[in-house]
Amino acid sequence: MPIYEYTCGSCGREFETLVRGSSPAPECPACHGTELRKKLSTFAALSGAASGNTDLPAACGSCGHPGGPGACQFSGMNS
């Protein structure tokens, strides 16, 4: 169940709401308008190579830790 951010085209209010697949179309909590524009969330705008942030380390090959190789307890451990 994603949370979407909207801007109301009628009154200009910005808000966020939880949207379920079977939910009716959202409306503005201030004016009850339905002329809404979905905003690009910060998470979507800043994730991955689309933001030009390509200098991040690759995930650890042992456990997938996002800090990269050597960031977890599992790297280099051979029992």
Protein backbone atom coordinates (compact mmCIF):
# COMPACT_ATOMS: atom_id res chain seq x y z
CA MET A 1 0.00 0.00 0.00
CA PRO A 2 1.95 2.99 -1.23
CA ILE A 3 1.68 6.51 0.12
CA TYR A 4 1.38 9.09 -2.65
CA GLU A 5 1.95 12.83 -2.45
CA TYR A 6 -0.44 15.14 -4.28
CA THR A 7 -0.96 18.83 -5.01
CA CYS A 8 -4.56 19.97 -5.39
CA GLY A 9 -5.14 21.90 -8.62
CA SER A 10 -8.11 23.73 -7.10
CA CYS A 11 -6.71 25.10 -3.83
CA GLY A 12 -2.96 24.36 -4.12
CA ARG A 13 -2.76 22.32 -0.92
CA GLU A 14 -0.09 19.61 -0.78
CA PHE A 15 -0.93 16.37 1.03
CA GLU A 16 -0.14 12.68 1.11
CA THR A 17 -2.50 9.74 1.29
CA LEU A 18 -2.37 5.96 1.48
CA VAL A 19 -3.68 4.47 -1.77
CA ARG A 20 -4.98 0.92 -2.00
CA GLY A 21 -5.74 -0.80 -5.28
CA SER A 22 -9.48 -0.94 -4.58
CA SER A 23 -9.71 2.59 -3.10
CA PRO A 24 -11.76 5.27 -4.83
CA ALA A 25 -9.80 8.14 -6.39
CA PRO A 26 -8.38 10.42 -3.66
CA GLU A 27 -9.69 13.90 -3.03
CA CYS A 28 -8.20 16.98 -1.40
CA PRO A 29 -8.80 16.99 2.37
CA ALA A 30 -9.20 20.79 2.37
CA CYS A 31 -11.56 21.54 -0.54
CA HIS A 32 -12.59 17.98 -1.57
CA GLY A 33 -11.42 18.74 -5.10
CA THR A 34 -10.42 15.90 -7.39
CA GLU A 35 -8.13 17.86 -9.74
CA LEU A 36 -4.96 16.38 -8.23
CA ARG A 37 -1.41 16.22 -9.53
CA LYS A 38 0.75 13.38 -8.23
CA LYS A 39 4.09 14.70 -6.98
CA LEU A 40 7.40 12.96 -7.52
CA SER A 41 8.42 11.71 -4.09
CA THR A 42 11.87 12.33 -2.65
CA PHE A 43 12.57 8.60 -2.56
CA ALA A 44 11.80 8.15 -6.24
CA ALA A 45 13.74 11.27 -7.22
CA LEU A 46 16.91 10.35 -5.36
CA SER A 47 17.18 6.61 -5.87
CA GLY A 48 19.73 4.89 -8.08
CA ALA A 49 21.43 5.97 -11.26
CA ALA A 50 18.47 8.09 -12.39
CA SER A 51 19.62 10.78 -9.95
CA GLY A 52 23.20 10.68 -11.26
CA ASN A 53 24.37 9.22 -7.97
CA THR A 54 26.50 6.47 -9.50
CA ASP A 55 29.46 6.70 -7.10
CA LEU A 56 27.74 4.56 -4.43
CA PRO A 57 29.42 1.26 -3.55
CA ALA A 58 28.00 -1.97 -4.91
CA ALA A 59 26.09 -4.13 -2.46
CA CYS A 60 28.04 -6.74 -0.48
CA GLY A 61 28.32 -9.98 -2.43
CA SER A 62 27.83 -12.12 0.69
CA CYS A 63 24.70 -10.64 2.23
CA GLY A 64 23.56 -7.75 0.02
CA HIS A 65 24.39 -5.05 2.62
CA PRO A 66 24.05 -1.67 0.85
CA GLY A 67 27.27 -0.40 2.47
CA GLY A 68 29.29 -2.47 0.02
CA PRO A 69 31.89 -5.19 0.37
CA GLY A 70 33.32 -5.40 3.88
CA ALA A 71 30.41 -3.53 5.48
CA CYS A 72 28.89 -6.63 7.06
CA GLN A 73 30.07 -9.37 9.39
CA PHE A 74 29.95 -11.99 6.67
CA SER A 75 32.62 -10.70 4.30
CA GLY A 76 35.89 -12.46 4.46
CA MET A 77 34.68 -15.05 6.96
CA ASN A 78 35.63 -18.53 5.90
CA SER A 79 34.68 -21.11 8.51
